[in-house]
C-alpha cells in the first residue's frame, strides 16, 4: 500500500508516491542522494512553508556547495551569494530567518537534503 501524503510517519519515512525516503526523527534525509525538488517541496509542506524563488536559489546553492566541498557553506557565504544572485544588497541573518523561519540556515540545510551533522555548520 502506497501512502502519498506529505506526512512523516514511523519517525523515519517520507512517502513520495511510489518512493519511500528514509529520514531521521528531525526530518533530515539519511541519504544525500535521495533528494530531489519533490522531496524539498514535501518537507516544506510539513514545515508549512511555501518555497519561492529565493528558497530555491539557496537550496540549490547549498546542494552544489556541499557536493563540491563535502561541507555546507558558511552563513556568510550564503548571504553573499543571495545578495549577488537575487540583487539584495546586505542580505542578513535576520532575512535568512524570515525566509526559513524554523531555524534559518539549519532549516535550509534540512530542506536541501544535507546530513543533520552538517546542519550546525551553516
PDB file of N, CA and C in Angstrom:
ATOM      1  N   UNK A   1       0.840  -1.170   0.000  1.00  0.00           N
ATOM      2  CA  UNK A   1       0.000   0.000   0.000  1.00  0.00           C
ATOM      3  C   UNK A   1       0.891   1.242   0.000  1.00  0.00           C
ATOM      4  N   UNK A   2       0.637   2.184  -0.878  1.00  0.00           N
ATOM      5  CA  UNK A   2       1.442   3.383  -1.001  1.00  0.00           C
ATOM      6  C   UNK A   2       0.752   4.546  -0.328  1.00  0.00           C
ATOM      7  N   UNK A   3       1.470   5.236   0.514  1.00  0.00           N
ATOM      8  CA  UNK A   3       0.970   6.427   1.183  1.00  0.00           C
ATOM      9  C   UNK A   3       1.489   7.633   0.407  1.00  0.00           C
ATOM     10  N   UNK A   4       0.594   8.422  -0.165  1.00  0.00           N
ATOM     11  CA  UNK A   4       1.018   9.565  -0.971  1.00  0.00           C
ATOM     12  C   UNK A   4       0.927  10.880  -0.219  1.00  0.00           C
ATOM     13  N   UNK A   5       0.630  10.843   1.041  1.00  0.00           N
ATOM     14  CA  UNK A   5       0.534  12.084   1.811  1.00  0.00           C
ATOM     15  C   UNK A   5       1.921  12.645   2.079  1.00  0.00           C
ATOM     16  N   UNK A   6       1.956  13.919   2.423  1.00  0.00           N
ATOM     17  CA  UNK A   6       3.220  14.574   2.727  1.00  0.00           C
ATOM     18  C   UNK A   6       3.652  14.306   4.162  1.00  0.00           C
ATOM     19  N   UNK A   7       2.823  13.655   4.924  1.00  0.00           N
ATOM     20  CA  UNK A   7       3.127  13.455   6.337  1.00  0.00           C
ATOM     21  C   UNK A   7       4.276  12.485   6.533  1.00  0.00           C
ATOM     22  N   UNK A   8       5.009  12.719   7.596  1.00  0.00           N
ATOM     23  CA  UNK A   8       6.063  11.812   8.002  1.00  0.00           C
ATOM     24  C   UNK A   8       5.438  10.814   8.959  1.00  0.00           C
ATOM     25  N   UNK A   9       5.727   9.547   8.765  1.00  0.00           N
ATOM     26  CA  UNK A   9       5.200   8.542   9.674  1.00  0.00           C
ATOM     27  C   UNK A   9       6.317   7.595  10.076  1.00  0.00           C
ATOM     28  N   UNK A  10       6.074   6.813  11.081  1.00  0.00           N
ATOM     29  CA  UNK A  10       7.038   5.850  11.608  1.00  0.00           C
ATOM     30  C   UNK A  10       8.350   6.515  12.033  1.00  0.00           C
ATOM     31  N   UNK A  11       8.360   7.816  12.204  1.00  0.00           N
ATOM     32  CA  UNK A  11       9.518   8.597  12.622  1.00  0.00           C
ATOM     33  C   UNK A  11      10.738   8.459  11.720  1.00  0.00           C
ATOM     34  N   UNK A  12      10.610   7.772  10.571  1.00  0.00           N
ATOM     35  CA  UNK A  12      11.805   7.635   9.746  1.00  0.00           C
ATOM     36  C   UNK A  12      11.510   7.472   8.258  1.00  0.00           C
ATOM     37  N   UNK A  13      10.307   7.746   7.825  1.00  0.00           N
ATOM     38  CA  UNK A  13       9.977   7.563   6.412  1.00  0.00           C
ATOM     39  C   UNK A  13       9.188   8.749   5.877  1.00  0.00           C
ATOM     40  N   UNK A  14       9.511   9.144   4.658  1.00  0.00           N
ATOM     41  CA  UNK A  14       8.771  10.166   3.942  1.00  0.00           C
ATOM     42  C   UNK A  14       8.272   9.497   2.671  1.00  0.00           C
ATOM     43  N   UNK A  15       6.972   9.500   2.476  1.00  0.00           N
ATOM     44  CA  UNK A  15       6.383   8.840   1.320  1.00  0.00           C
ATOM     45  C   UNK A  15       6.154   9.846   0.204  1.00  0.00           C
ATOM     46  N   UNK A  16       6.676   9.521  -0.983  1.00  0.00           N
ATOM     47  CA  UNK A  16       6.504  10.355  -2.171  1.00  0.00           C
ATOM     48  C   UNK A  16       6.017   9.453  -3.301  1.00  0.00           C
ATOM     49  N   UNK A  17       4.721   9.302  -3.401  1.00  0.00           N
ATOM     50  CA  UNK A  17       4.177   8.402  -4.419  1.00  0.00           C
ATOM     51  C   UNK A  17       4.695   6.994  -4.210  1.00  0.00           C
ATOM     52  N   UNK A  18       5.404   6.484  -5.201  1.00  0.00           N
ATOM     53  CA  UNK A  18       5.964   5.130  -5.143  1.00  0.00           C
ATOM     54  C   UNK A  18       7.272   5.066  -4.345  1.00  0.00           C
ATOM     55  N   UNK A  19       7.864   6.209  -4.055  1.00  0.00           N
ATOM     56  CA  UNK A  19       9.163   6.245  -3.392  1.00  0.00           C
ATOM     57  C   UNK A  19       9.012   6.455  -1.890  1.00  0.00           C
ATOM     58  N   UNK A  20       9.875   5.778  -1.161  1.00  0.00           N
ATOM     59  CA  UNK A  20       9.940   5.938   0.286  1.00  0.00           C
ATOM     60  C   UNK A  20      11.344   6.434   0.611  1.00  0.00           C
ATOM     61  N   UNK A  21      11.414   7.581   1.247  1.00  0.00           N
ATOM     62  CA  UNK A  21      12.690   8.214   1.581  1.00  0.00           C
ATOM     63  C   UNK A  21      12.916   8.081   3.077  1.00  0.00           C
ATOM     64  N   UNK A  22      14.095   7.601   3.459  1.00  0.00           N
ATOM     65  CA  UNK A  22      14.420   7.475   4.878  1.00  0.00           C
ATOM     66  C   UNK A  22      14.879   8.826   5.412  1.00  0.00           C
ATOM     67  N   UNK A  23      14.301   9.195   6.550  1.00  0.00           N
ATOM     68  CA  UNK A  23      14.684  10.415   7.256  1.00  0.00           C
ATOM     69  C   UNK A  23      14.845  10.083   8.732  1.00  0.00           C
ATOM     70  N   UNK A  24      15.525  10.960   9.451  1.00  0.00           N
ATOM     71  CA  UNK A  24      15.604  10.750  10.893  1.00  0.00           C
ATOM     72  C   UNK A  24      14.422  11.448  11.566  1.00  0.00           C
ATOM     73  N   UNK A  25      14.336  11.358  12.862  1.00  0.00           N
ATOM     74  CA  UNK A  25      13.185  11.911  13.573  1.00  0.00           C
ATOM     75  C   UNK A  25      13.113  13.434  13.487  1.00  0.00           C
ATOM     76  N   UNK A  26      14.222  14.092  13.147  1.00  0.00           N
ATOM     77  CA  UNK A  26      14.226  15.551  12.974  1.00  0.00           C
ATOM     78  C   UNK A  26      13.898  15.953  11.541  1.00  0.00           C
ATOM     79  N   UNK A  27      13.670  14.965  10.664  1.00  0.00           N
ATOM     80  CA  UNK A  27      13.289  15.264   9.290  1.00  0.00           C
ATOM     81  C   UNK A  27      14.437  15.430   8.319  1.00  0.00           C
ATOM     82  N   UNK A  28      15.655  15.086   8.718  1.00  0.00           N
ATOM     83  CA  UNK A  28      16.813  15.150   7.828  1.00  0.00           C
ATOM     84  C   UNK A  28      16.924  13.855   7.024  1.00  0.00           C
ATOM     85  N   UNK A  29      17.260  13.983   5.748  1.00  0.00           N
ATOM     86  CA  UNK A  29      17.457  12.796   4.922  1.00  0.00           C
ATOM     87  C   UNK A  29      18.641  11.995   5.441  1.00  0.00           C
ATOM     88  N   UNK A  30      18.508  10.685   5.377  1.00  0.00           N
ATOM     89  CA  UNK A  30      19.628   9.829   5.758  1.00  0.00           C
ATOM     90  C   UNK A  30      20.596   9.642   4.596  1.00  0.00           C
ATOM     91  N   UNK A  31      20.103   9.830   3.366  1.00  0.00           N
ATOM     92  CA  UNK A  31      20.933   9.665   2.178  1.00  0.00           C
ATOM     93  C   UNK A  31      20.856  10.941   1.338  1.00  0.00           C
ATOM     94  N   UNK A  32      21.946  11.654   1.223  1.00  0.00           N
ATOM     95  CA  UNK A  32      22.027  12.899   0.453  1.00  0.00           C
ATOM     96  C   UNK A  32      21.490  12.725  -0.969  1.00  0.00           C
ATOM     97  N   UNK A  33      21.747  11.561  -1.556  1.00  0.00           N
ATOM     98  CA  UNK A  33      21.351  11.318  -2.946  1.00  0.00           C
ATOM     99  C   UNK A  33      19.864  11.015  -3.128  1.00  0.00           C
ATOM    100  N   UNK A  34      19.117  10.890  -2.045  1.00  0.00           N
ATOM    101  CA  UNK A  34      17.663  10.700  -2.146  1.00  0.00           C
ATOM    102  C   UNK A  34      16.935  11.999  -2.462  1.00  0.00           C
ATOM    103  N   UNK A  35      17.629  13.125  -2.368  1.00  0.00           N
ATOM    104  CA  UNK A  35      16.998  14.430  -2.534  1.00  0.00           C
ATOM    105  C   UNK A  35      16.633  14.708  -3.986  1.00  0.00           C
ATOM    106  N   UNK A  36      15.503  15.338  -4.152  1.00  0.00           N
ATOM    107  CA  UNK A  36      15.130  15.983  -5.405  1.00  0.00           C
ATOM    108  C   UNK A  36      14.189  17.124  -5.021  1.00  0.00           C
ATOM    109  N   UNK A  37      13.753  17.877  -5.999  1.00  0.00           N
ATOM    110  CA  UNK A  37      12.918  19.042  -5.676  1.00  0.00           C
ATOM    111  C   UNK A  37      11.585  18.635  -5.065  1.00  0.00           C
ATOM    112  N   UNK A  38      11.076  17.471  -5.433  1.00  0.00           N
ATOM    113  CA  UNK A  38       9.824  16.995  -4.831  1.00  0.00           C
ATOM    114  C   UNK A  38      10.022  16.720  -3.339  1.00  0.00           C
ATOM    115  N   UNK A  39      11.169  16.176  -2.979  1.00  0.00           N
ATOM    116  CA  UNK A  39      11.473  15.938  -1.560  1.00  0.00           C
ATOM    117  C   UNK A  39      11.486  17.275  -0.812  1.00  0.00           C
ATOM    118  N   UNK A  40      12.149  18.269  -1.378  1.00  0.00           N
ATOM    119  CA  UNK A  40      12.185  19.587  -0.741  1.00  0.00           C
ATOM    120  C   UNK A  40      10.783  20.165  -0.596  1.00  0.00           C
ATOM    121  N   UNK A  41       9.969  20.019  -1.629  1.00  0.00           N
ATOM    122  CA  UNK A  41       8.584  20.512  -1.574  1.00  0.00           C
ATOM    123  C   UNK A  41       7.807  19.834  -0.452  1.00  0.00           C
ATOM    124  N   UNK A  42       7.943  18.517  -0.321  1.00  0.00           N
ATOM    125  CA  UNK A  42       7.206  17.788   0.718  1.00  0.00           C
ATOM    126  C   UNK A  42       7.677  18.165   2.111  1.00  0.00           C
ATOM    127  N   UNK A  43       8.989  18.309   2.279  1.00  0.00           N
ATOM    128  CA  UNK A  43       9.496  18.734   3.576  1.00  0.00           C
ATOM    129  C   UNK A  43       9.007  20.147   3.903  1.00  0.00           C
ATOM    130  N   UNK A  44       8.921  20.993   2.897  1.00  0.00           N
ATOM    131  CA  UNK A  44       8.410  22.353   3.098  1.00  0.00           C
ATOM    132  C   UNK A  44       6.933  22.331   3.487  1.00  0.00           C
ATOM    133  N   UNK A  45       6.157  21.426   2.894  1.00  0.00           N
ATOM    134  CA  UNK A  45       4.742  21.291   3.259  1.00  0.00           C
ATOM    135  C   UNK A  45       4.629  20.921   4.738  1.00  0.00           C
ATOM    136  N   UNK A  46       5.467  20.014   5.180  1.00  0.00           N
ATOM    137  CA  UNK A  46       5.469  19.613   6.590  1.00  0.00           C
ATOM    138  C   UNK A  46       5.772  20.824   7.470  1.00  0.00           C
ATOM    139  N   UNK A  47       6.673  21.688   6.995  1.00  0.00           N
ATOM    140  CA  UNK A  47       7.044  22.903   7.738  1.00  0.00           C
ATOM    141  C   UNK A  47       6.062  24.053   7.531  1.00  0.00           C
ATOM    142  N   UNK A  48       5.042  23.824   6.697  1.00  0.00           N
ATOM    143  CA  UNK A  48       4.070  24.877   6.348  1.00  0.00           C
ATOM    144  C   UNK A  48       4.775  26.087   5.725  1.00  0.00           C
ATOM    145  N   UNK A  49       5.684  25.781   4.802  1.00  0.00           N
ATOM    146  CA  UNK A  49       6.487  26.791   4.130  1.00  0.00           C
ATOM    147  C   UNK A  49       6.277  26.683   2.623  1.00  0.00           C
ATOM    148  N   UNK A  50       5.952  27.794   2.004  1.00  0.00           N
ATOM    149  CA  UNK A  50       5.816  27.824   0.545  1.00  0.00           C
ATOM    150  C   UNK A  50       7.160  28.220  -0.047  1.00  0.00           C
ATOM    151  N   UNK A  51       7.733  27.322  -0.858  1.00  0.00           N
ATOM    152  CA  UNK A  51       9.031  27.595  -1.450  1.00  0.00           C
ATOM    153  C   UNK A  51       8.885  28.534  -2.640  1.00  0.00           C
ATOM    154  N   UNK A  52       9.628  29.636  -2.574  1.00  0.00           N
ATOM    155  CA  UNK A  52       9.631  30.642  -3.632  1.00  0.00           C
ATOM    156  C   UNK A  52      11.011  30.673  -4.266  1.00  0.00           C
ATOM    157  N   UNK A  53      11.171  31.551  -5.236  1.00  0.00           N
ATOM    158  CA  UNK A  53      12.435  31.605  -5.984  1.00  0.00           C
ATOM    159  C   UNK A  53      13.650  31.733  -5.061  1.00  0.00           C
ATOM    160  N   UNK A  54      13.579  32.589  -4.056  1.00  0.00           N
ATOM    161  CA  UNK A  54      14.730  32.793  -3.166  1.00  0.00           C
ATOM    162  C   UNK A  54      15.073  31.516  -2.390  1.00  0.00           C
ATOM    163  N   UNK A  55      14.053  30.749  -2.012  1.00  0.00           N
ATOM    164  CA  UNK A  55      14.305  29.478  -1.335  1.00  0.00           C
ATOM    165  C   UNK A  55      15.090  28.542  -2.248  1.00  0.00           C
ATOM    166  N   UNK A  56      14.622  28.443  -3.508  1.00  0.00           N
ATOM    167  CA  UNK A  56      15.276  27.530  -4.461  1.00  0.00           C
ATOM    168  C   UNK A  56      16.704  27.960  -4.755  1.00  0.00           C
ATOM    169  N   UNK A  57      16.955  29.257  -4.824  1.00  0.00           N
ATOM    170  CA  UNK A  57      18.323  29.742  -5.045  1.00  0.00           C
ATOM    171  C   UNK A  57      19.215  29.257  -3.909  1.00  0.00           C
ATOM    172  N   UNK A  58      18.734  29.395  -2.691  1.00  0.00           N
ATOM    173  CA  UNK A  58      19.521  28.979  -1.520  1.00  0.00           C
ATOM    174  C   UNK A  58      19.667  27.459  -1.475  1.00  0.00           C
ATOM    175  N   UNK A  59      18.580  26.719  -1.673  1.00  0.00           N
ATOM    176  CA  UNK A  59      18.648  25.252  -1.603  1.00  0.00           C
ATOM    177  C   UNK A  59      19.593  24.695  -2.653  1.00  0.00           C
ATOM    178  N   UNK A  60      19.504  25.197  -3.864  1.00  0.00           N
ATOM    179  CA  UNK A  60      20.394  24.699  -4.929  1.00  0.00           C
ATOM    180  C   UNK A  60      21.840  25.056  -4.643  1.00  0.00           C
ATOM    181  N   UNK A  61      22.076  26.249  -4.097  1.00  0.00           N
ATOM    182  CA  UNK A  61      23.444  26.638  -3.744  1.00  0.00           C
ATOM    183  C   UNK A  61      23.996  25.728  -2.648  1.00  0.00           C
ATOM    184  N   UNK A  62      23.197  25.453  -1.615  1.00  0.00           N
ATOM    185  CA  UNK A  62      23.650  24.571  -0.542  1.00  0.00           C
ATOM    186  C   UNK A  62      24.030  23.199  -1.080  1.00  0.00           C
ATOM    187  N   UNK A  63      23.204  22.662  -1.961  1.00  0.00           N
ATOM    188  CA  UNK A  63      23.487  21.337  -2.529  1.00  0.00           C
ATOM    189  C   UNK A  63      24.729  21.356  -3.413  1.00  0.00           C
ATOM    190  N   UNK A  64      24.845  22.374  -4.245  1.00  0.00           N
ATOM    191  CA  UNK A  64      26.006  22.476  -5.139  1.00  0.00           C
ATOM    192  C   UNK A  64      27.292  22.597  -4.323  1.00  0.00           C
ATOM    193  N   UNK A  65      27.265  23.452  -3.321  1.00  0.00           N
ATOM    194  CA  UNK A  65      28.440  23.667  -2.492  1.00  0.00           C
ATOM    195  C   UNK A  65      28.798  22.390  -1.727  1.00  0.00           C
ATOM    196  N   UNK A  66      27.795  21.755  -1.141  1.00  0.00           N
ATOM    197  CA  UNK A  66      28.044  20.526  -0.382  1.00  0.00           C
ATOM    198  C   UNK A  66      28.589  19.425  -1.300  1.00  0.00           C
ATOM    199  N   UNK A  67      28.061  19.317  -2.502  1.00  0.00           N
ATOM    200  CA  UNK A  67      28.543  18.322  -3.460  1.00  0.00           C
ATOM    201  C   UNK A  67      30.010  18.554  -3.797  1.00  0.00           C
ATOM    202  N   UNK A  68      30.373  19.811  -3.945  1.00  0.00           N
ATOM    203  CA  UNK A  68      31.749  20.140  -4.324  1.00  0.00           C
ATOM    204  C   UNK A  68      32.733  20.043  -3.165  1.00  0.00           C
ATOM    205  N   UNK A  69      32.329  20.488  -1.973  1.00  0.00           N
ATOM    206  CA  UNK A  69      33.265  20.592  -0.850  1.00  0.00           C
ATOM    207  C   UNK A  69      32.995  19.635   0.312  1.00  0.00           C
ATOM    208  N   UNK A  70      31.930  18.863   0.257  1.00  0.00           N
ATOM    209  CA  UNK A  70      31.555  17.904   1.306  1.00  0.00           C
ATOM    210  C   UNK A  70      31.321  18.581   2.659  1.00  0.00           C
ATOM    211  N   UNK A  71      30.949  19.843   2.637  1.00  0.00           N
ATOM    212  CA  UNK A  71      30.583  20.605   3.822  1.00  0.00           C
ATOM    213  C   UNK A  71      29.668  21.733   3.359  1.00  0.00           C
ATOM    214  N   UNK A  72      28.760  22.173   4.207  1.00  0.00           N
ATOM    215  CA  UNK A  72      27.900  23.285   3.780  1.00  0.00           C
ATOM    216  C   UNK A  72      28.671  24.607   3.804  1.00  0.00           C
ATOM    217  N   UNK A  73      28.201  25.584   3.042  1.00  0.00           N
ATOM    218  CA  UNK A  73      28.835  26.896   3.093  1.00  0.00           C
ATOM    219  C   UNK A  73      28.508  27.590   4.408  1.00  0.00           C
ATOM    220  N   UNK A  74      29.335  28.533   4.773  1.00  0.00           N
ATOM    221  CA  UNK A  74      29.062  29.327   5.971  1.00  0.00           C
ATOM    222  C   UNK A  74      27.864  30.236   5.705  1.00  0.00           C
ATOM    223  N   UNK A  75      27.173  30.667   6.761  1.00  0.00           N
ATOM    224  CA  UNK A  75      26.088  31.627   6.558  1.00  0.00           C
ATOM    225  C   UNK A  75      26.567  32.881   5.827  1.00  0.00           C
ATOM    226  N   UNK A  76      27.787  33.310   6.100  1.00  0.00           N
ATOM    227  CA  UNK A  76      28.334  34.491   5.433  1.00  0.00           C
ATOM    228  C   UNK A  76      28.387  34.277   3.918  1.00  0.00           C
ATOM    229  N   UNK A  77      28.810  33.112   3.502  1.00  0.00           N
ATOM    230  CA  UNK A  77      28.884  32.800   2.077  1.00  0.00           C
ATOM    231  C   UNK A  77      27.483  32.698   1.464  1.00  0.00           C
ATOM    232  N   UNK A  78      26.531  32.134   2.195  1.00  0.00           N
ATOM    233  CA  UNK A  78      25.143  32.057   1.718  1.00  0.00           C
ATOM    234  C   UNK A  78      24.599  33.470   1.519  1.00  0.00           C
ATOM    235  N   UNK A  79      24.822  34.341   2.492  1.00  0.00           N
ATOM    236  CA  UNK A  79      24.329  35.722   2.386  1.00  0.00           C
ATOM    237  C   UNK A  79      24.961  36.443   1.200  1.00  0.00           C
ATOM    238  N   UNK A  80      26.246  36.241   0.989  1.00  0.00           N
ATOM    239  CA  UNK A  80      26.948  36.877  -0.138  1.00  0.00           C
ATOM    240  C   UNK A  80      26.374  36.383  -1.470  1.00  0.00           C
ATOM    241  N   UNK A  81      26.138  35.085  -1.576  1.00  0.00           N
ATOM    242  CA  UNK A  81      25.596  34.509  -2.793  1.00  0.00           C
ATOM    243  C   UNK A  81      24.188  35.040  -3.063  1.00  0.00           C
ATOM    244  N   UNK A  82      23.345  35.101  -2.019  1.00  0.00           N
ATOM    245  CA  UNK A  82      21.978  35.611  -2.191  1.00  0.00           C
ATOM    246  C   UNK A  82      22.014  37.075  -2.625  1.00  0.00           C
ATOM    247  N   UNK A  83      22.871  37.848  -1.990  1.00  0.00           N
ATOM    248  CA  UNK A  83      22.993  39.258  -2.368  1.00  0.00           C
ATOM    249  C   UNK A  83      23.335  39.390  -3.848  1.00  0.00           C
ATOM    250  N   UNK A  84      24.268  38.576  -4.306  1.00  0.00           N
ATOM    251  CA  UNK A  84      24.711  38.634  -5.696  1.00  0.00           C
ATOM    252  C   UNK A  84      23.642  38.117  -6.655  1.00  0.00           C
ATOM    253  N   UNK A  85      23.105  36.927  -6.392  1.00  0.00           N
ATOM    254  CA  UNK A  85      22.164  36.303  -7.328  1.00  0.00           C
ATOM    255  C   UNK A  85      20.780  36.929  -7.322  1.00  0.00           C
ATOM    256  N   UNK A  86      20.346  37.426  -6.182  1.00  0.00           N
ATOM    257  CA  UNK A  86      18.999  37.976  -6.081  1.00  0.00           C
ATOM    258  C   UNK A  86      18.994  39.502  -6.125  1.00  0.00           C
ATOM    259  N   UNK A  87      20.184  40.118  -6.134  1.00  0.00           N
ATOM    260  CA  UNK A  87      20.244  41.570  -6.171  1.00  0.00           C
ATOM    261  C   UNK A  87      19.719  42.210  -4.901  1.00  0.00           C
ATOM    262  N   UNK A  88      19.985  41.565  -3.759  1.00  0.00           N
ATOM    263  CA  UNK A  88      19.553  42.092  -2.457  1.00  0.00           C
ATOM    264  C   UNK A  88      20.808  42.507  -1.689  1.00  0.00           C
ATOM    265  N   UNK A  89      21.172  43.779  -1.759  1.00  0.00           N
ATOM    266  CA  UNK A  89      22.387  44.202  -1.055  1.00  0.00           C
ATOM    267  C   UNK A  89      22.267  44.021   0.454  1.00  0.00           C
ATOM    268  N   UNK A  90      23.363  43.569   1.062  1.00  0.00           N
ATOM    269  CA  UNK A  90      23.396  43.438   2.516  1.00  0.00           C
ATOM    270  C   UNK A  90      22.453  42.393   3.081  1.00  0.00           C
ATOM    271  N   UNK A  91      22.224  41.307   2.348  1.00  0.00           N
ATOM    272  CA  UNK A  91      21.347  40.238   2.831  1.00  0.00           C
ATOM    273  C   UNK A  91      21.848  39.775   4.192  1.00  0.00           C
ATOM    274  N   UNK A  92      20.938  39.638   5.168  1.00  0.00           N
ATOM    275  CA  UNK A  92      21.339  39.443   6.567  1.00  0.00           C
ATOM    276  C   UNK A  92      20.833  38.124   7.162  1.00  0.00           C
ATOM    277  N   UNK A  93      21.369  37.813   8.355  1.00  0.00           N
ATOM    278  CA  UNK A  93      20.892  36.652   9.117  1.00  0.00           C
ATOM    279  C   UNK A  93      19.404  36.786   9.415  1.00  0.00           C
ATOM    280  N   UNK A  94      18.970  37.995   9.731  1.00  0.00           N
ATOM    281  CA  UNK A  94      17.556  38.238  10.020  1.00  0.00           C
ATOM    282  C   UNK A  94      16.698  37.868   8.810  1.00  0.00           C
ATOM    283  N   UNK A  95      17.164  38.195   7.611  1.00  0.00           N
ATOM    284  CA  UNK A  95      16.416  37.852   6.400  1.00  0.00           C
ATOM    285  C   UNK A  95      16.397  36.342   6.153  1.00  0.00           C
ATOM    286  N   UNK A  96      17.500  35.668   6.466  1.00  0.00           N
ATOM    287  CA  UNK A  96      17.517  34.201   6.337  1.00  0.00           C
ATOM    288  C   UNK A  96      16.466  33.596   7.265  1.00  0.00           C
ATOM    289  N   UNK A  97      16.378  34.122   8.487  1.00  0.00           N
ATOM    290  CA  UNK A  97      15.388  33.619   9.445  1.00  0.00           C
ATOM    291  C   UNK A  97      13.953  33.941   9.009  1.00  0.00           C
ATOM    292  N   UNK A  98      13.769  35.032   8.292  1.00  0.00           N
ATOM    293  CA  UNK A  98      12.436  35.346   7.770  1.00  0.00           C
ATOM    294  C   UNK A  98      12.061  34.379   6.655  1.00  0.00           C
ATOM    295  N   UNK A  99      13.025  33.999   5.847  1.00  0.00           N
ATOM    296  CA  UNK A  99      12.774  33.093   4.720  1.00  0.00           C
ATOM    297  C   UNK A  99      12.619  31.651   5.205  1.00  0.00           C
ATOM    298  N   UNK A 100      13.460  31.259   6.163  1.00  0.00           N
ATOM    299  CA  UNK A 100      13.414  29.914   6.749  1.00  0.00           C
ATOM    300  C   UNK A 100      13.129  30.076   8.246  1.00  0.00           C
ATOM    301  N   UNK A 101      11.853  30.295   8.621  1.00  0.00           N
ATOM    302  CA  UNK A 101      11.514  30.672   9.997  1.00  0.00           C
ATOM    303  C   UNK A 101      11.697  29.575  11.046  1.00  0.00           C
ATOM    304  N   UNK A 102      11.896  28.336  10.625  1.00  0.00           N
ATOM    305  CA  UNK A 102      12.070  27.254  11.603  1.00  0.00           C
ATOM    306  C   UNK A 102      13.538  26.893  11.789  1.00  0.00           C
ATOM    307  N   UNK A 103      14.412  27.878  11.734  1.00  0.00           N
ATOM    308  CA  UNK A 103      15.816  27.598  12.010  1.00  0.00           C
ATOM    309  C   UNK A 103      16.815  28.215  11.067  1.00  0.00           C
ATOM    310  N   UNK A 104      16.401  29.091  10.183  1.00  0.00           N
ATOM    311  CA  UNK A 104      17.356  29.757   9.300  1.00  0.00           C
ATOM    312  C   UNK A 104      18.124  28.771   8.443  1.00  0.00           C
ATOM    313  N   UNK A 105      19.448  28.880   8.511  1.00  0.00           N
ATOM    314  CA  UNK A 105      20.294  28.003   7.694  1.00  0.00           C
ATOM    315  C   UNK A 105      20.103  26.527   8.041  1.00  0.00           C
ATOM    316  N   UNK A 106      19.808  26.241   9.287  1.00  0.00           N
ATOM    317  CA  UNK A 106      19.599  24.832   9.675  1.00  0.00           C
ATOM    318  C   UNK A 106      18.390  24.263   8.935  1.00  0.00           C
ATOM    319  N   UNK A 107      17.296  25.008   8.878  1.00  0.00           N
ATOM    320  CA  UNK A 107      16.122  24.558   8.137  1.00  0.00           C
ATOM    321  C   UNK A 107      16.444  24.457   6.650  1.00  0.00           C
ATOM    322  N   UNK A 108      17.185  25.421   6.135  1.00  0.00           N
ATOM    323  CA  UNK A 108      17.570  25.390   4.722  1.00  0.00           C
ATOM    324  C   UNK A 108      18.390  24.139   4.416  1.00  0.00           C
ATOM    325  N   UNK A 109      19.325  23.805   5.289  1.00  0.00           N
ATOM    326  CA  UNK A 109      20.136  22.594   5.091  1.00  0.00           C
ATOM    327  C   UNK A 109      19.262  21.347   5.088  1.00  0.00           C
ATOM    328  N   UNK A 110      18.283  21.301   5.978  1.00  0.00           N
ATOM    329  CA  UNK A 110      17.379  20.137   6.027  1.00  0.00           C
ATOM    330  C   UNK A 110      16.571  20.028   4.741  1.00  0.00           C
ATOM    331  N   UNK A 111      16.017  21.146   4.270  1.00  0.00           N
ATOM    332  CA  UNK A 111      15.228  21.123   3.038  1.00  0.00           C
ATOM    333  C   UNK A 111      16.089  20.818   1.821  1.00  0.00           C
ATOM    334  N   UNK A 112      17.386  21.143   1.890  1.00  0.00           N
ATOM    335  CA  UNK A 112      18.307  20.869   0.789  1.00  0.00           C
ATOM    336  C   UNK A 112      18.842  19.442   0.836  1.00  0.00           C
ATOM    337  N   UNK A 113      18.483  18.694   1.868  1.00  0.00           N
ATOM    338  CA  UNK A 113      18.895  17.296   1.960  1.00  0.00           C
ATOM    339  C   UNK A 113      20.276  17.068   2.514  1.00  0.00           C
ATOM    340  N   UNK A 114      20.866  18.086   3.141  1.00  0.00           N
ATOM    341  CA  UNK A 114      22.183  17.898   3.737  1.00  0.00           C
ATOM    342  C   UNK A 114      22.058  17.066   5.007  1.00  0.00           C
ATOM    343  N   UNK A 115      23.081  16.278   5.329  1.00  0.00           N
ATOM    344  CA  UNK A 115      23.026  15.457   6.550  1.00  0.00           C
ATOM    345  C   UNK A 115      22.919  16.317   7.804  1.00  0.00           C
ATOM    346  N   UNK A 116      22.234  15.795   8.811  1.00  0.00           N
ATOM    347  CA  UNK A 116      21.989  16.560  10.036  1.00  0.00           C
ATOM    348  C   UNK A 116      23.268  17.039  10.699  1.00  0.00           C
ATOM    349  N   UNK A 117      24.289  16.197  10.747  1.00  0.00           N
ATOM    350  CA  UNK A 117      25.501  16.596  11.466  1.00  0.00           C
ATOM    351  C   UNK A 117      26.177  17.796  10.814  1.00  0.00           C
ATOM    352  N   UNK A 118      25.823  18.131   9.585  1.00  0.00           N
ATOM    353  CA  UNK A 118      26.383  19.322   8.955  1.00  0.00           C
ATOM    354  C   UNK A 118      25.494  20.546   9.127  1.00  0.00           C
ATOM    355  N   UNK A 119      24.273  20.359   9.571  1.00  0.00           N
ATOM    356  CA  UNK A 119      23.344  21.487   9.642  1.00  0.00           C
ATOM    357  C   UNK A 119      23.760  22.507  10.701  1.00  0.00           C
ATOM    358  N   UNK A 120      24.612  22.128  11.610  1.00  0.00           N
ATOM    359  CA  UNK A 120      25.056  23.081  12.636  1.00  0.00           C
ATOM    360  C   UNK A 120      26.172  23.973  12.117  1.00  0.00           C
ATOM    361  N   UNK A 121      26.814  23.555  11.024  1.00  0.00           N
ATOM    362  CA  UNK A 121      27.906  24.347  10.449  1.00  0.00           C
ATOM    363  C   UNK A 121      27.380  25.530   9.652  1.00  0.00           C
ATOM    364  N   UNK A 122      26.158  25.406   9.147  1.00  0.00           N
ATOM    365  CA  UNK A 122      25.656  26.502   8.315  1.00  0.00           C
ATOM    366  C   UNK A 122      24.633  27.322   9.057  1.00  0.00           C
TER     367      UNK A 122
END
